[in-house]
Structure formats: C-alpha cells, structure tokens
Amino acid sequence: MITLGELLSAETAGAAKHESPHVRDEDAFLEAQVNAVLFDAITSTLGILWDLRTALHLDETNTGLLVVRGVELLEWSGGTDQQRMSWKVGGSTVQSLGAGLEVHLALTPGADLRVRGRSAVFHSLDVVALGEIPDFGSHTDQEVRSMSPRWDSAARVVRTTPLALGPGRAPR
C-alpha cells in the first residue's frame, strides 16, 4: 500500500502495470469526479485526484490519480458561489503535442481544466474504506472528506497507464 501523496512523487517513468487502453480515449473520464488538484512547482509535477465511483468508463476501481510531469500549462476557468462542489467530468480529451501532451477536462457545473506537460501516467487505485459516495448537499465537510479519496489515503495500485502518445500519434 502507498498513499496517494507518495504516489504523486514516486518515480514511475516508463512503468506500465496492466495498462488500460481506454484511458487515452476521448471522454474516458466521463462522470468521474475531480476531488483535488495539486501542483508541485519545484518539480513541475501536477496530480489530479479522482473519485471514480461515478465514472462511466473507468469503473473497475474507486480512485484514480493522473500525474503530469514537466508541466508547462495549468489552466482553470470557472467557479461557483457554492461552498463545496462535486466537479464531474462532462467531457475529456488527451491530445499529443509534439514531445508532450495536453489533457482537457470540461467539468460540470461550468469549469474547464487544461494541463500540458512532457508526460503523464494514470494510476487506477483501490482506496480501502471509502464508504458511500458523499452527498455534497447534505453531508458535512468532515463527512465528505472521510467518504472521499484524499492525498493521505492508502491505496493499492491496480493499473498504471502511461498517457504519452509520442510524436504524431493520435489518441485511440
């Protein structure tokens, strides 16, 4: 077991463990929930932490972690007047760009997240004892956090899939 925070900083270059071909597909992340985004400016590494329990296509595990290295663009647009949000993916693309790639997430309600970097890897994970899916409208902050994957959550890695498409390759 490894914590999600440790996995973010773990060296995984070139590592593939039971690769999932679907991660590179358009809309692969549909209905998955973005729980947290963490940018380490020292190493130019970005992590996007996902709750996959509501995902339509990536439903074999309960948690995902997308790690982008060599980040050259991090863009968030959108907002809400609500205190806490469930940011679900309404559309997603992974696009090859020369020696790197770009991930674009259209989130509901009304936000966009775009990340461009040198390489990326997606970890499909099982986090123990998540419990039920939180109701952001009725559960307290503490309840939502206890029912959701967090950076200090211990997880078992089920699949690790590199997203680097290589020059001239289109997503599958």
C-alpha atoms as a PDB file:
ATOM      1  CA  MET A   1       0.000   0.000   0.000  1.00  0.00           C
ATOM      2  CA  ILE A   2       1.087   3.525  -0.772  1.00  0.00           C
ATOM      3  CA  THR A   3      -0.529   6.865  -0.008  1.00  0.00           C
ATOM      4  CA  LEU A   4      -1.780   8.940  -2.909  1.00  0.00           C
ATOM      5  CA  GLY A   5       0.605  11.749  -1.955  1.00  0.00           C
ATOM      6  CA  GLU A   6       3.558   9.343  -2.043  1.00  0.00           C
ATOM      7  CA  LEU A   7       2.431   8.024  -5.418  1.00  0.00           C
ATOM      8  CA  LEU A   8       2.399  11.575  -6.779  1.00  0.00           C
ATOM      9  CA  SER A   9       6.112  11.940  -6.087  1.00  0.00           C
ATOM     10  CA  ALA A  10       7.091   8.319  -6.882  1.00  0.00           C
ATOM     11  CA  GLU A  11       9.253   7.773  -9.938  1.00  0.00           C
ATOM     12  CA  THR A  12       7.091   5.928 -12.478  1.00  0.00           C
ATOM     13  CA  ALA A  13       8.766   6.853 -15.759  1.00  0.00           C
ATOM     14  CA  GLY A  14       8.131   4.149 -18.312  1.00  0.00           C
ATOM     15  CA  ALA A  15       6.264   1.997 -15.807  1.00  0.00           C
ATOM     16  CA  ALA A  16       3.230   0.133 -17.045  1.00  0.00           C
ATOM     17  CA  LYS A  17       1.287  -2.242 -14.838  1.00  0.00           C
ATOM     18  CA  HIS A  18      -1.671  -3.924 -16.519  1.00  0.00           C
ATOM     19  CA  GLU A  19      -2.197  -0.988 -18.880  1.00  0.00           C
ATOM     20  CA  SER A  20      -5.719   0.203 -19.691  1.00  0.00           C
ATOM     21  CA  PRO A  21      -6.122   1.243 -23.342  1.00  0.00           C
ATOM     22  CA  HIS A  22      -9.309   3.185 -22.565  1.00  0.00           C
ATOM     23  CA  VAL A  23      -7.632   5.951 -20.538  1.00  0.00           C
ATOM     24  CA  ARG A  24      -6.458   7.617 -23.756  1.00  0.00           C
ATOM     25  CA  ASP A  25      -9.935   7.562 -25.360  1.00  0.00           C
ATOM     26  CA  GLU A  26     -11.978  10.712 -25.826  1.00  0.00           C
ATOM     27  CA  ASP A  27     -14.364  11.075 -22.868  1.00  0.00           C
ATOM     28  CA  ALA A  28     -12.622   8.266 -20.945  1.00  0.00           C
ATOM     29  CA  PHE A  29     -13.093  10.236 -17.717  1.00  0.00           C
ATOM     30  CA  LEU A  30     -16.815  10.895 -18.264  1.00  0.00           C
ATOM     31  CA  GLU A  31     -18.732  11.337 -14.985  1.00  0.00           C
ATOM     32  CA  ALA A  32     -15.604  10.811 -12.859  1.00  0.00           C
ATOM     33  CA  GLN A  33     -15.308  13.375 -10.088  1.00  0.00           C
ATOM     34  CA  VAL A  34     -12.241  15.604  -9.704  1.00  0.00           C
ATOM     35  CA  ASN A  35     -11.564  15.792  -5.953  1.00  0.00           C
ATOM     36  CA  ALA A  36      -8.262  17.667  -5.825  1.00  0.00           C
ATOM     37  CA  VAL A  37      -5.534  19.182  -7.973  1.00  0.00           C
ATOM     38  CA  LEU A  38      -2.044  19.526  -6.520  1.00  0.00           C
ATOM     39  CA  PHE A  39       0.819  21.313  -8.289  1.00  0.00           C
ATOM     40  CA  ASP A  40       4.393  20.877  -7.072  1.00  0.00           C
ATOM     41  CA  ALA A  41       6.176  23.892  -8.582  1.00  0.00           C
ATOM     42  CA  ILE A  42       9.611  22.631  -7.513  1.00  0.00           C
ATOM     43  CA  THR A  43       9.354  19.506  -9.691  1.00  0.00           C
ATOM     44  CA  SER A  44       6.765  20.835 -12.208  1.00  0.00           C
ATOM     45  CA  THR A  45       4.528  17.882 -11.320  1.00  0.00           C
ATOM     46  CA  LEU A  46       0.741  18.020 -11.177  1.00  0.00           C
ATOM     47  CA  GLY A  47      -1.610  15.474  -9.663  1.00  0.00           C
ATOM     48  CA  ILE A  48      -5.338  15.232 -10.322  1.00  0.00           C
ATOM     49  CA  LEU A  49      -7.105  13.082  -7.735  1.00  0.00           C
ATOM     50  CA  TRP A  50     -10.307  11.396  -8.934  1.00  0.00           C
ATOM     51  CA  ASP A  51     -13.222   9.649  -7.299  1.00  0.00           C
ATOM     52  CA  LEU A  52     -14.088   7.013  -9.920  1.00  0.00           C
ATOM     53  CA  ARG A  53     -17.172   5.577  -8.212  1.00  0.00           C
ATOM     54  CA  THR A  54     -19.418   7.621 -10.520  1.00  0.00           C
ATOM     55  CA  ALA A  55     -17.286   7.182 -13.680  1.00  0.00           C
ATOM     56  CA  LEU A  56     -18.969   5.644 -16.707  1.00  0.00           C
ATOM     57  CA  HIS A  57     -15.882   4.083 -18.303  1.00  0.00           C
ATOM     58  CA  LEU A  58     -13.184   3.819 -15.614  1.00  0.00           C
ATOM     59  CA  ASP A  59     -15.265   1.841 -13.176  1.00  0.00           C
ATOM     60  CA  GLU A  60     -13.035  -1.070 -12.152  1.00  0.00           C
ATOM     61  CA  THR A  61     -11.531   0.846  -9.200  1.00  0.00           C
ATOM     62  CA  ASN A  62     -12.779   3.547  -6.849  1.00  0.00           C
ATOM     63  CA  THR A  63      -9.959   6.092  -7.211  1.00  0.00           C
ATOM     64  CA  GLY A  64      -7.676   7.482  -9.886  1.00  0.00           C
ATOM     65  CA  LEU A  65      -4.560   9.626  -9.877  1.00  0.00           C
ATOM     66  CA  LEU A  66      -3.347  11.390 -13.007  1.00  0.00           C
ATOM     67  CA  VAL A  67       0.282  12.507 -12.657  1.00  0.00           C
ATOM     68  CA  VAL A  68       1.579  15.007 -15.219  1.00  0.00           C
ATOM     69  CA  ARG A  69       5.322  15.726 -15.256  1.00  0.00           C
ATOM     70  CA  GLY A  70       7.099  18.646 -16.916  1.00  0.00           C
ATOM     71  CA  VAL A  71       4.021  20.850 -16.615  1.00  0.00           C
ATOM     72  CA  GLU A  72       4.145  23.870 -18.894  1.00  0.00           C
ATOM     73  CA  LEU A  73       0.483  24.885 -18.727  1.00  0.00           C
ATOM     74  CA  LEU A  74      -2.039  24.682 -15.900  1.00  0.00           C
ATOM     75  CA  GLU A  75      -5.304  26.456 -16.600  1.00  0.00           C
ATOM     76  CA  TRP A  76      -8.521  26.514 -14.578  1.00  0.00           C
ATOM     77  CA  SER A  77     -11.539  28.546 -15.548  1.00  0.00           C
ATOM     78  CA  GLY A  78     -14.909  28.574 -13.897  1.00  0.00           C
ATOM     79  CA  GLY A  79     -16.287  28.920 -10.458  1.00  0.00           C
ATOM     80  CA  THR A  80     -19.349  28.785  -8.337  1.00  0.00           C
ATOM     81  CA  ASP A  81     -20.900  30.525  -5.408  1.00  0.00           C
ATOM     82  CA  GLN A  82     -21.491  27.205  -3.653  1.00  0.00           C
ATOM     83  CA  GLN A  83     -19.374  26.358  -0.637  1.00  0.00           C
ATOM     84  CA  ARG A  84     -18.326  22.909  -1.830  1.00  0.00           C
ATOM     85  CA  MET A  85     -18.705  21.208  -5.174  1.00  0.00           C
ATOM     86  CA  SER A  86     -18.702  17.879  -6.880  1.00  0.00           C
ATOM     87  CA  TRP A  87     -16.803  18.628 -10.111  1.00  0.00           C
ATOM     88  CA  LYS A  88     -17.857  15.893 -12.543  1.00  0.00           C
ATOM     89  CA  VAL A  89     -16.318  15.413 -15.970  1.00  0.00           C
ATOM     90  CA  GLY A  90     -18.688  16.208 -18.812  1.00  0.00           C
ATOM     91  CA  GLY A  91     -16.027  15.721 -21.491  1.00  0.00           C
ATOM     92  CA  SER A  92     -12.327  14.867 -21.701  1.00  0.00           C
ATOM     93  CA  THR A  93      -9.572  14.659 -24.290  1.00  0.00           C
ATOM     94  CA  VAL A  94      -5.930  13.589 -24.266  1.00  0.00           C
ATOM     95  CA  GLN A  95      -4.032  15.090 -27.185  1.00  0.00           C
ATOM     96  CA  SER A  96      -0.498  14.516 -28.427  1.00  0.00           C
ATOM     97  CA  LEU A  97       1.511  17.723 -28.839  1.00  0.00           C
ATOM     98  CA  GLY A  98       4.982  17.206 -30.281  1.00  0.00           C
ATOM     99  CA  ALA A  99       7.081  15.827 -27.433  1.00  0.00           C
ATOM    100  CA  GLY A 100       4.285  16.098 -24.870  1.00  0.00           C
ATOM    101  CA  LEU A 101       0.562  16.011 -24.375  1.00  0.00           C
ATOM    102  CA  GLU A 102      -2.407  18.048 -23.257  1.00  0.00           C
ATOM    103  CA  VAL A 103      -5.306  16.901 -21.105  1.00  0.00           C
ATOM    104  CA  HIS A 104      -8.518  18.908 -21.258  1.00  0.00           C
ATOM    105  CA  LEU A 105     -11.416  18.334 -18.862  1.00  0.00           C
ATOM    106  CA  ALA A 106     -14.802  20.001 -19.249  1.00  0.00           C
ATOM    107  CA  LEU A 107     -16.285  19.909 -15.750  1.00  0.00           C
ATOM    108  CA  THR A 108     -19.815  20.444 -14.548  1.00  0.00           C
ATOM    109  CA  PRO A 109     -21.035  22.808 -13.385  1.00  0.00           C
ATOM    110  CA  GLY A 110     -19.269  25.177 -15.772  1.00  0.00           C
ATOM    111  CA  ALA A 111     -15.499  24.778 -15.392  1.00  0.00           C
ATOM    112  CA  ASP A 112     -12.534  23.774 -17.561  1.00  0.00           C
ATOM    113  CA  LEU A 113      -9.201  22.297 -16.527  1.00  0.00           C
ATOM    114  CA  ARG A 114      -6.371  22.152 -19.066  1.00  0.00           C
ATOM    115  CA  VAL A 115      -2.912  20.746 -18.358  1.00  0.00           C
ATOM    116  CA  ARG A 116       0.003  20.471 -20.776  1.00  0.00           C
ATOM    117  CA  GLY A 117       3.171  18.605 -19.924  1.00  0.00           C
ATOM    118  CA  ARG A 118       6.017  16.384 -21.052  1.00  0.00           C
ATOM    119  CA  SER A 119       4.479  13.096 -19.869  1.00  0.00           C
ATOM    120  CA  ALA A 120       1.581  11.705 -17.880  1.00  0.00           C
ATOM    121  CA  VAL A 121       0.588   8.483 -16.197  1.00  0.00           C
ATOM    122  CA  PHE A 122      -2.799   7.416 -14.858  1.00  0.00           C
ATOM    123  CA  HIS A 123      -3.000   5.165 -11.800  1.00  0.00           C
ATOM    124  CA  SER A 124      -6.204   3.174 -11.223  1.00  0.00           C
ATOM    125  CA  LEU A 125      -6.369   2.574  -7.485  1.00  0.00           C
ATOM    126  CA  ASP A 126      -8.405   0.945  -4.777  1.00  0.00           C
ATOM    127  CA  VAL A 127      -8.645   3.019  -1.614  1.00  0.00           C
ATOM    128  CA  VAL A 128      -9.841   0.998   1.348  1.00  0.00           C
ATOM    129  CA  ALA A 129     -12.842   2.097   3.428  1.00  0.00           C
ATOM    130  CA  LEU A 130     -14.229   4.962   1.378  1.00  0.00           C
ATOM    131  CA  GLY A 131     -17.775   4.091   2.352  1.00  0.00           C
ATOM    132  CA  GLU A 132     -20.716   5.561   0.484  1.00  0.00           C
ATOM    133  CA  ILE A 133     -20.464   8.272  -2.147  1.00  0.00           C
ATOM    134  CA  PRO A 134     -20.817  11.609  -0.328  1.00  0.00           C
ATOM    135  CA  ASP A 135     -23.788  13.894  -0.843  1.00  0.00           C
ATOM    136  CA  PHE A 136     -22.229  17.338  -1.137  1.00  0.00           C
ATOM    137  CA  GLY A 137     -25.546  18.997  -0.313  1.00  0.00           C
ATOM    138  CA  SER A 138     -26.346  17.213   2.934  1.00  0.00           C
ATOM    139  CA  HIS A 139     -23.102  15.802   4.376  1.00  0.00           C
ATOM    140  CA  THR A 140     -20.767  17.994   6.438  1.00  0.00           C
ATOM    141  CA  ASP A 141     -17.263  18.921   5.245  1.00  0.00           C
ATOM    142  CA  GLN A 142     -15.790  16.304   7.581  1.00  0.00           C
ATOM    143  CA  GLU A 143     -18.187  13.605   6.310  1.00  0.00           C
ATOM    144  CA  VAL A 144     -17.449  14.451   2.671  1.00  0.00           C
ATOM    145  CA  ARG A 145     -13.697  14.219   3.340  1.00  0.00           C
ATOM    146  CA  SER A 146     -13.997  10.897   5.183  1.00  0.00           C
ATOM    147  CA  MET A 147     -16.015   9.404   2.289  1.00  0.00           C
ATOM    148  CA  SER A 148     -13.652  10.692  -0.431  1.00  0.00           C
ATOM    149  CA  PRO A 149     -10.126   9.803  -1.571  1.00  0.00           C
ATOM    150  CA  ARG A 150      -7.535  12.204  -0.100  1.00  0.00           C
ATOM    151  CA  TRP A 151      -3.793  12.690  -0.531  1.00  0.00           C
ATOM    152  CA  ASP A 152      -3.168  10.770   2.724  1.00  0.00           C
ATOM    153  CA  SER A 153      -5.408   7.825   1.701  1.00  0.00           C
ATOM    154  CA  ALA A 154      -3.672   4.441   1.483  1.00  0.00           C
ATOM    155  CA  ALA A 155      -4.258   2.704  -1.843  1.00  0.00           C
ATOM    156  CA  ARG A 156      -3.462  -0.420  -3.822  1.00  0.00           C
ATOM    157  CA  VAL A 157      -2.330   0.230  -7.403  1.00  0.00           C
ATOM    158  CA  VAL A 158      -4.383  -1.881  -9.828  1.00  0.00           C
ATOM    159  CA  ARG A 159      -3.326  -0.370 -13.180  1.00  0.00           C
ATOM    160  CA  THR A 160      -0.727   2.145 -14.296  1.00  0.00           C
ATOM    161  CA  THR A 161      -1.121   3.521 -17.805  1.00  0.00           C
ATOM    162  CA  PRO A 162       1.263   5.998 -19.455  1.00  0.00           C
ATOM    163  CA  LEU A 163      -0.605   8.638 -21.437  1.00  0.00           C
ATOM    164  CA  ALA A 164       2.355   9.802 -23.519  1.00  0.00           C
ATOM    165  CA  LEU A 165       1.236   9.269 -27.092  1.00  0.00           C
ATOM    166  CA  GLY A 166       4.504  10.040 -28.800  1.00  0.00           C
ATOM    167  CA  PRO A 167       5.061  12.370 -31.748  1.00  0.00           C
ATOM    168  CA  GLY A 168       2.475  12.075 -34.489  1.00  0.00           C
ATOM    169  CA  ARG A 169       0.245   9.533 -32.717  1.00  0.00           C
ATOM    170  CA  ALA A 170      -3.415  10.224 -32.215  1.00  0.00           C
ATOM    171  CA  PRO A 171      -5.374   9.061 -29.196  1.00  0.00           C
ATOM    172  CA  ARG A 172      -7.031   5.656 -29.560  1.00  0.00           C
END
